[in-house]
Amino acid sequence: MVQKAKILLVDDRPENLLALEAILSALDQTLVRASSGEEALKALLTEDFAVILLDVQMPGMDGFETAAHIKRRERTRDIPIIFLTAINHGPHHTFRGYAAGAVDYISKPFDPWVLRAKVSVFVELHMKNMQLREQAMLLRRELEGGQASADTERSAGGLLPELSARLAAVEEQAEVLTKELSESGGGPAVSTAAHLERKLSGLRRALDALQPGAAEEKSVEPQTG
């Protein structure tokens, strides 16, 4: 059974959380509520989320401050944040959202279809990324555990192309996402997209290292004399 992605919804108004749940329920993922910045940070201590929808105007710790705490933590700094706000204070306010680490900034009232489509991109990327990591980890464990029998090698030979194809699909999704962020977010959003591409490049290098012969090439020492 495929594990569902978790989406964190942060808003101090219960009716707004209810509206977000109604919009995103069609994605069939796990929706987690938080009614304050503090509650959101507590949830992030133990759970992994595909994306965070974060209200800007909240009493106490507002969305900007909450995002700053999220980005300071190594565990959560790479989770995409979409800011939601009922008031548009102009370009400066929007830029502050991107500077705080948001990948998108949406003013209320927003188009439900647009919000759902944006969230679905991050959910799909998260799911593929997690699946790829798990399969790569299992394969690496087999190859490094001294079980490289003929059966294992045949299994790895069949699985590696599949992993490579899955990664290619994720890379294609990232290209689409980069284009969307470039068109809507400007510099800060492009920087976030570049970070995502670097992570995918790291996964590609790790996968290439699992290719047959890579371990042998790495272990061979040049002969002298």
C-alpha atoms as a PDB file:
ATOM      1  CA  MET A   1       0.000   0.000   0.000  1.00  0.00           C
ATOM      2  CA  VAL A   2       1.383   3.385  -1.019  1.00  0.00           C
ATOM      3  CA  GLN A   3       1.787   5.712   1.929  1.00  0.00           C
ATOM      4  CA  LYS A   4      -0.048   9.007   1.582  1.00  0.00           C
ATOM      5  CA  ALA A   5       1.784  12.318   1.710  1.00  0.00           C
ATOM      6  CA  LYS A   6       1.113  14.686   4.588  1.00  0.00           C
ATOM      7  CA  ILE A   7       0.076  18.302   3.965  1.00  0.00           C
ATOM      8  CA  LEU A   8       0.281  20.771   6.860  1.00  0.00           C
ATOM      9  CA  LEU A   9      -2.463  23.417   6.985  1.00  0.00           C
ATOM     10  CA  VAL A  10      -1.703  26.343   9.304  1.00  0.00           C
ATOM     11  CA  ASP A  11      -4.384  28.952  10.062  1.00  0.00           C
ATOM     12  CA  ASP A  12      -5.792  30.390  13.291  1.00  0.00           C
ATOM     13  CA  ARG A  13      -9.353  30.455  11.914  1.00  0.00           C
ATOM     14  CA  PRO A  14     -11.201  27.084  11.961  1.00  0.00           C
ATOM     15  CA  GLU A  15     -13.402  28.081   9.010  1.00  0.00           C
ATOM     16  CA  ASN A  16     -10.306  28.682   6.862  1.00  0.00           C
ATOM     17  CA  LEU A  17      -8.906  25.277   7.786  1.00  0.00           C
ATOM     18  CA  LEU A  18     -12.239  23.696   6.924  1.00  0.00           C
ATOM     19  CA  ALA A  19     -12.237  25.438   3.533  1.00  0.00           C
ATOM     20  CA  LEU A  20      -8.683  24.255   2.797  1.00  0.00           C
ATOM     21  CA  GLU A  21      -9.624  20.691   3.699  1.00  0.00           C
ATOM     22  CA  ALA A  22     -12.627  20.846   1.357  1.00  0.00           C
ATOM     23  CA  ILE A  23     -10.425  22.101  -1.506  1.00  0.00           C
ATOM     24  CA  LEU A  24      -7.601  19.611  -0.982  1.00  0.00           C
ATOM     25  CA  SER A  25      -9.651  16.541  -0.078  1.00  0.00           C
ATOM     26  CA  ALA A  26      -9.753  15.573  -3.766  1.00  0.00           C
ATOM     27  CA  LEU A  27      -5.996  14.929  -3.640  1.00  0.00           C
ATOM     28  CA  ASP A  28      -6.659  12.013  -1.256  1.00  0.00           C
ATOM     29  CA  GLN A  29      -3.675  12.794   0.964  1.00  0.00           C
ATOM     30  CA  THR A  30      -3.328  13.198   4.743  1.00  0.00           C
ATOM     31  CA  LEU A  31      -4.292  16.725   5.828  1.00  0.00           C
ATOM     32  CA  VAL A  32      -2.927  17.861   9.196  1.00  0.00           C
ATOM     33  CA  ARG A  33      -4.311  20.944  10.955  1.00  0.00           C
ATOM     34  CA  ALA A  34      -2.383  23.486  13.013  1.00  0.00           C
ATOM     35  CA  SER A  35      -4.113  26.543  14.489  1.00  0.00           C
ATOM     36  CA  SER A  36      -0.928  28.479  15.303  1.00  0.00           C
ATOM     37  CA  GLY A  37       2.714  28.782  14.398  1.00  0.00           C
ATOM     38  CA  GLU A  38       3.695  27.067  17.609  1.00  0.00           C
ATOM     39  CA  GLU A  39       1.394  24.134  16.885  1.00  0.00           C
ATOM     40  CA  ALA A  40       2.826  23.859  13.371  1.00  0.00           C
ATOM     41  CA  LEU A  41       6.409  23.739  14.660  1.00  0.00           C
ATOM     42  CA  LYS A  42       5.417  21.021  17.129  1.00  0.00           C
ATOM     43  CA  ALA A  43       3.913  18.900  14.332  1.00  0.00           C
ATOM     44  CA  LEU A  44       7.069  19.346  12.267  1.00  0.00           C
ATOM     45  CA  LEU A  45       9.185  17.824  15.035  1.00  0.00           C
ATOM     46  CA  THR A  46       7.870  14.331  14.390  1.00  0.00           C
ATOM     47  CA  GLU A  47       6.112  14.306  11.009  1.00  0.00           C
ATOM     48  CA  ASP A  48       7.385  14.642   7.436  1.00  0.00           C
ATOM     49  CA  PHE A  49       5.326  16.873   5.153  1.00  0.00           C
ATOM     50  CA  ALA A  50       5.235  17.273   1.386  1.00  0.00           C
ATOM     51  CA  VAL A  51       4.163  20.924   1.567  1.00  0.00           C
ATOM     52  CA  ILE A  52       2.993  23.526   4.113  1.00  0.00           C
ATOM     53  CA  LEU A  53       0.122  25.954   3.538  1.00  0.00           C
ATOM     54  CA  LEU A  54       0.816  28.795   5.941  1.00  0.00           C
ATOM     55  CA  ASP A  55      -1.443  31.745   6.773  1.00  0.00           C
ATOM     56  CA  VAL A  56       0.437  35.027   7.127  1.00  0.00           C
ATOM     57  CA  GLN A  57      -1.832  36.908   9.551  1.00  0.00           C
ATOM     58  CA  MET A  58      -1.944  34.968  12.814  1.00  0.00           C
ATOM     59  CA  PRO A  59      -1.901  36.253  16.399  1.00  0.00           C
ATOM     60  CA  GLY A  60       1.316  35.704  18.306  1.00  0.00           C
ATOM     61  CA  MET A  61       3.766  34.021  15.941  1.00  0.00           C
ATOM     62  CA  ASP A  62       2.744  35.097  12.432  1.00  0.00           C
ATOM     63  CA  GLY A  63       3.436  33.247   9.205  1.00  0.00           C
ATOM     64  CA  PHE A  64       6.734  35.007   8.480  1.00  0.00           C
ATOM     65  CA  GLU A  65       8.156  34.160  11.905  1.00  0.00           C
ATOM     66  CA  THR A  66       6.896  30.584  11.672  1.00  0.00           C
ATOM     67  CA  ALA A  67       8.542  30.170   8.271  1.00  0.00           C
ATOM     68  CA  ALA A  68      11.816  31.545   9.640  1.00  0.00           C
ATOM     69  CA  HIS A  69      11.821  28.867  12.362  1.00  0.00           C
ATOM     70  CA  ILE A  70      11.018  26.159   9.796  1.00  0.00           C
ATOM     71  CA  LYS A  71      13.873  27.206   7.520  1.00  0.00           C
ATOM     72  CA  ARG A  72      16.370  27.294  10.405  1.00  0.00           C
ATOM     73  CA  ARG A  73      15.796  23.634  11.219  1.00  0.00           C
ATOM     74  CA  GLU A  74      17.833  21.181   9.197  1.00  0.00           C
ATOM     75  CA  ARG A  75      15.017  18.628   9.294  1.00  0.00           C
ATOM     76  CA  THR A  76      12.411  20.986   7.813  1.00  0.00           C
ATOM     77  CA  ARG A  77      14.297  23.630   5.836  1.00  0.00           C
ATOM     78  CA  ASP A  78      13.575  22.002   2.466  1.00  0.00           C
ATOM     79  CA  ILE A  79       9.812  21.594   2.912  1.00  0.00           C
ATOM     80  CA  PRO A  80       7.998  23.847   0.395  1.00  0.00           C
ATOM     81  CA  ILE A  81       5.915  26.616   1.977  1.00  0.00           C
ATOM     82  CA  ILE A  82       2.948  28.284   0.260  1.00  0.00           C
ATOM     83  CA  PHE A  83       1.912  31.496   2.013  1.00  0.00           C
ATOM     84  CA  LEU A  84      -1.789  32.383   2.135  1.00  0.00           C
ATOM     85  CA  THR A  85      -2.896  35.910   3.001  1.00  0.00           C
ATOM     86  CA  ALA A  86      -6.181  37.808   3.059  1.00  0.00           C
ATOM     87  CA  ILE A  87      -4.464  41.164   2.542  1.00  0.00           C
ATOM     88  CA  ASN A  88      -2.206  42.144  -0.330  1.00  0.00           C
ATOM     89  CA  HIS A  89       0.159  44.871   0.833  1.00  0.00           C
ATOM     90  CA  GLY A  90       1.910  45.099  -2.509  1.00  0.00           C
ATOM     91  CA  PRO A  91       5.257  43.898  -3.879  1.00  0.00           C
ATOM     92  CA  HIS A  92       7.161  44.534  -0.650  1.00  0.00           C
ATOM     93  CA  HIS A  93       4.814  42.281   1.329  1.00  0.00           C
ATOM     94  CA  THR A  94       5.048  39.585  -1.344  1.00  0.00           C
ATOM     95  CA  PHE A  95       8.834  39.786  -1.465  1.00  0.00           C
ATOM     96  CA  ARG A  96       8.945  39.385   2.316  1.00  0.00           C
ATOM     97  CA  GLY A  97       7.109  36.097   1.876  1.00  0.00           C
ATOM     98  CA  TYR A  98       9.637  34.830  -0.666  1.00  0.00           C
ATOM     99  CA  ALA A  99      12.515  36.088   1.475  1.00  0.00           C
ATOM    100  CA  ALA A 100      11.114  34.036   4.371  1.00  0.00           C
ATOM    101  CA  GLY A 101      11.467  30.921   2.247  1.00  0.00           C
ATOM    102  CA  ALA A 102       8.100  30.565   0.522  1.00  0.00           C
ATOM    103  CA  VAL A 103       7.899  28.900  -2.890  1.00  0.00           C
ATOM    104  CA  ASP A 104       4.595  30.644  -3.614  1.00  0.00           C
ATOM    105  CA  TYR A 105       2.453  33.461  -2.243  1.00  0.00           C
ATOM    106  CA  ILE A 106      -1.322  33.376  -2.804  1.00  0.00           C
ATOM    107  CA  SER A 107      -3.808  36.092  -1.883  1.00  0.00           C
ATOM    108  CA  LYS A 108      -7.270  35.228  -0.599  1.00  0.00           C
ATOM    109  CA  PRO A 109      -9.800  34.658  -2.020  1.00  0.00           C
ATOM    110  CA  PHE A 110      -7.945  32.238  -4.263  1.00  0.00           C
ATOM    111  CA  ASP A 111      -9.037  29.959  -7.064  1.00  0.00           C
ATOM    112  CA  PRO A 112      -9.545  26.490  -5.498  1.00  0.00           C
ATOM    113  CA  TRP A 113      -8.447  24.745  -8.698  1.00  0.00           C
ATOM    114  CA  VAL A 114      -5.218  26.755  -8.895  1.00  0.00           C
ATOM    115  CA  LEU A 115      -4.361  26.066  -5.243  1.00  0.00           C
ATOM    116  CA  ARG A 116      -5.096  22.363  -5.622  1.00  0.00           C
ATOM    117  CA  ALA A 117      -2.970  22.181  -8.777  1.00  0.00           C
ATOM    118  CA  LYS A 118      -0.007  23.907  -7.102  1.00  0.00           C
ATOM    119  CA  VAL A 119      -0.188  21.636  -4.056  1.00  0.00           C
ATOM    120  CA  SER A 120      -0.491  18.519  -6.224  1.00  0.00           C
ATOM    121  CA  VAL A 121       2.837  19.311  -7.920  1.00  0.00           C
ATOM    122  CA  PHE A 122       4.676  19.274  -4.590  1.00  0.00           C
ATOM    123  CA  VAL A 123       2.815  16.161  -3.416  1.00  0.00           C
ATOM    124  CA  GLU A 124       3.732  14.268  -6.594  1.00  0.00           C
ATOM    125  CA  LEU A 125       7.342  15.373  -6.349  1.00  0.00           C
ATOM    126  CA  HIS A 126       7.508  14.347  -2.676  1.00  0.00           C
ATOM    127  CA  MET A 127       6.002  10.914  -3.330  1.00  0.00           C
ATOM    128  CA  LYS A 128       8.318  10.119  -6.218  1.00  0.00           C
ATOM    129  CA  ASN A 129      11.320  11.387  -4.316  1.00  0.00           C
ATOM    130  CA  MET A 130      10.524   9.212  -1.282  1.00  0.00           C
ATOM    131  CA  GLN A 131       9.859   6.135  -3.410  1.00  0.00           C
ATOM    132  CA  LEU A 132      13.096   6.604  -5.286  1.00  0.00           C
ATOM    133  CA  ARG A 133      15.098   7.013  -2.092  1.00  0.00           C
ATOM    134  CA  GLU A 134      13.612   3.885  -0.529  1.00  0.00           C
ATOM    135  CA  GLN A 135      14.323   1.738  -3.571  1.00  0.00           C
ATOM    136  CA  ALA A 136      17.835   3.121  -3.974  1.00  0.00           C
ATOM    137  CA  MET A 137      18.507   2.442  -0.284  1.00  0.00           C
ATOM    138  CA  LEU A 138      17.341  -1.174  -0.578  1.00  0.00           C
ATOM    139  CA  LEU A 139      19.454  -1.750  -3.649  1.00  0.00           C
ATOM    140  CA  ARG A 140      22.529  -0.149  -2.088  1.00  0.00           C
ATOM    141  CA  ARG A 141      22.076  -2.348   1.005  1.00  0.00           C
ATOM    142  CA  GLU A 142      22.026  -5.463  -1.152  1.00  0.00           C
ATOM    143  CA  LEU A 143      25.077  -4.487  -3.158  1.00  0.00           C
ATOM    144  CA  GLU A 144      27.126  -3.373  -0.138  1.00  0.00           C
ATOM    145  CA  GLY A 145      26.091  -6.289   2.055  1.00  0.00           C
ATOM    146  CA  GLY A 146      28.203  -8.816   0.232  1.00  0.00           C
ATOM    147  CA  GLN A 147      25.174 -10.452  -1.390  1.00  0.00           C
ATOM    148  CA  ALA A 148      26.131  -9.687  -4.970  1.00  0.00           C
ATOM    149  CA  SER A 149      25.294 -13.158  -6.192  1.00  0.00           C
ATOM    150  CA  ALA A 150      24.251 -13.845  -9.749  1.00  0.00           C
ATOM    151  CA  ASP A 151      20.585 -13.543  -8.733  1.00  0.00           C
ATOM    152  CA  THR A 152      21.209 -10.266  -6.943  1.00  0.00           C
ATOM    153  CA  GLU A 153      23.118  -8.871  -9.880  1.00  0.00           C
ATOM    154  CA  ARG A 154      20.335  -9.840 -12.251  1.00  0.00           C
ATOM    155  CA  SER A 155      17.801  -8.226  -9.908  1.00  0.00           C
ATOM    156  CA  ALA A 156      19.891  -5.044  -9.657  1.00  0.00           C
ATOM    157  CA  GLY A 157      20.347  -4.993 -13.410  1.00  0.00           C
ATOM    158  CA  GLY A 158      16.585  -4.975 -13.843  1.00  0.00           C
ATOM    159  CA  LEU A 159      15.857  -2.491 -11.063  1.00  0.00           C
ATOM    160  CA  LEU A 160      18.437   0.156 -11.937  1.00  0.00           C
ATOM    161  CA  PRO A 161      16.820   1.084 -15.270  1.00  0.00           C
ATOM    162  CA  GLU A 162      13.461   1.370 -13.491  1.00  0.00           C
ATOM    163  CA  LEU A 163      14.966   3.659 -10.844  1.00  0.00           C
ATOM    164  CA  SER A 164      16.605   5.728 -13.553  1.00  0.00           C
ATOM    165  CA  ALA A 165      13.286   6.084 -15.365  1.00  0.00           C
ATOM    166  CA  ARG A 166      11.528   7.136 -12.166  1.00  0.00           C
ATOM    167  CA  LEU A 167      14.187   9.727 -11.454  1.00  0.00           C
ATOM    168  CA  ALA A 168      13.831  11.027 -15.013  1.00  0.00           C
ATOM    169  CA  ALA A 169      10.106  11.508 -14.344  1.00  0.00           C
ATOM    170  CA  VAL A 170      10.902  13.467 -11.166  1.00  0.00           C
ATOM    171  CA  GLU A 171      13.437  15.564 -13.067  1.00  0.00           C
ATOM    172  CA  GLU A 172      10.773  16.337 -15.664  1.00  0.00           C
ATOM    173  CA  GLN A 173       8.375  17.408 -12.892  1.00  0.00           C
ATOM    174  CA  ALA A 174      11.099  19.633 -11.466  1.00  0.00           C
ATOM    175  CA  GLU A 175      11.562  21.327 -14.844  1.00  0.00           C
ATOM    176  CA  VAL A 176       7.841  22.124 -14.973  1.00  0.00           C
ATOM    177  CA  LEU A 177       7.945  23.400 -11.394  1.00  0.00           C
ATOM    178  CA  THR A 178      11.008  25.545 -12.111  1.00  0.00           C
ATOM    179  CA  LYS A 179       9.218  27.124 -15.058  1.00  0.00           C
ATOM    180  CA  GLU A 180       6.126  27.855 -12.953  1.00  0.00           C
ATOM    181  CA  LEU A 181       8.177  29.386 -10.142  1.00  0.00           C
ATOM    182  CA  SER A 182      10.208  31.469 -12.590  1.00  0.00           C
ATOM    183  CA  GLU A 183       7.049  32.901 -14.117  1.00  0.00           C
ATOM    184  CA  SER A 184       5.258  33.612 -10.843  1.00  0.00           C
ATOM    185  CA  GLY A 185       7.840  34.156  -8.139  1.00  0.00           C
ATOM    186  CA  GLY A 186      10.921  35.897  -9.439  1.00  0.00           C
ATOM    187  CA  GLY A 187      14.336  35.621  -7.850  1.00  0.00           C
ATOM    188  CA  PRO A 188      13.594  33.980  -4.470  1.00  0.00           C
ATOM    189  CA  ALA A 189      11.370  31.330  -6.048  1.00  0.00           C
ATOM    190  CA  VAL A 190      13.971  30.598  -8.722  1.00  0.00           C
ATOM    191  CA  SER A 191      16.524  30.104  -5.947  1.00  0.00           C
ATOM    192  CA  THR A 192      14.230  27.536  -4.331  1.00  0.00           C
ATOM    193  CA  ALA A 193      13.848  25.740  -7.652  1.00  0.00           C
ATOM    194  CA  ALA A 194      17.631  25.712  -8.095  1.00  0.00           C
ATOM    195  CA  HIS A 195      17.979  24.085  -4.658  1.00  0.00           C
ATOM    196  CA  LEU A 196      15.509  21.400  -5.714  1.00  0.00           C
ATOM    197  CA  GLU A 197      17.476  20.748  -8.892  1.00  0.00           C
ATOM    198  CA  ARG A 198      20.682  20.356  -6.863  1.00  0.00           C
ATOM    199  CA  LYS A 199      19.003  17.729  -4.697  1.00  0.00           C
ATOM    200  CA  LEU A 200      17.862  15.856  -7.792  1.00  0.00           C
ATOM    201  CA  SER A 201      21.390  16.029  -9.195  1.00  0.00           C
ATOM    202  CA  GLY A 202      22.638  14.430  -5.984  1.00  0.00           C
ATOM    203  CA  LEU A 203      20.121  11.616  -6.370  1.00  0.00           C
ATOM    204  CA  ARG A 204      21.207  11.117  -9.975  1.00  0.00           C
ATOM    205  CA  ARG A 205      24.858  10.848  -8.905  1.00  0.00           C
ATOM    206  CA  ALA A 206      23.931   8.361  -6.175  1.00  0.00           C
ATOM    207  CA  LEU A 207      22.013   6.270  -8.695  1.00  0.00           C
ATOM    208  CA  ASP A 208      24.885   6.378 -11.185  1.00  0.00           C
ATOM    209  CA  ALA A 209      27.195   5.128  -8.416  1.00  0.00           C
ATOM    210  CA  LEU A 210      25.030   1.994  -8.159  1.00  0.00           C
ATOM    211  CA  GLN A 211      25.485   1.124 -11.818  1.00  0.00           C
ATOM    212  CA  PRO A 212      27.309  -2.183 -12.430  1.00  0.00           C
ATOM    213  CA  GLY A 213      31.058  -1.663 -12.366  1.00  0.00           C
ATOM    214  CA  ALA A 214      30.921   1.632 -10.436  1.00  0.00           C
ATOM    215  CA  ALA A 215      32.018   0.049  -7.151  1.00  0.00           C
ATOM    216  CA  GLU A 216      34.853  -1.816  -8.851  1.00  0.00           C
ATOM    217  CA  GLU A 217      36.101   1.318 -10.595  1.00  0.00           C
ATOM    218  CA  LYS A 218      36.093   3.157  -7.289  1.00  0.00           C
ATOM    219  CA  SER A 219      38.017   0.430  -5.481  1.00  0.00           C
ATOM    220  CA  VAL A 220      40.732  -0.116  -8.094  1.00  0.00           C
ATOM    221  CA  GLU A 221      43.981   1.571  -7.084  1.00  0.00           C
ATOM    222  CA  PRO A 222      46.361   2.754  -9.798  1.00  0.00           C
ATOM    223  CA  GLN A 223      49.407   0.522 -10.142  1.00  0.00           C
ATOM    224  CA  THR A 224      52.813   2.109  -9.734  1.00  0.00           C
ATOM    225  CA  GLY A 225      56.219   0.891 -10.776  1.00  0.00           C
END
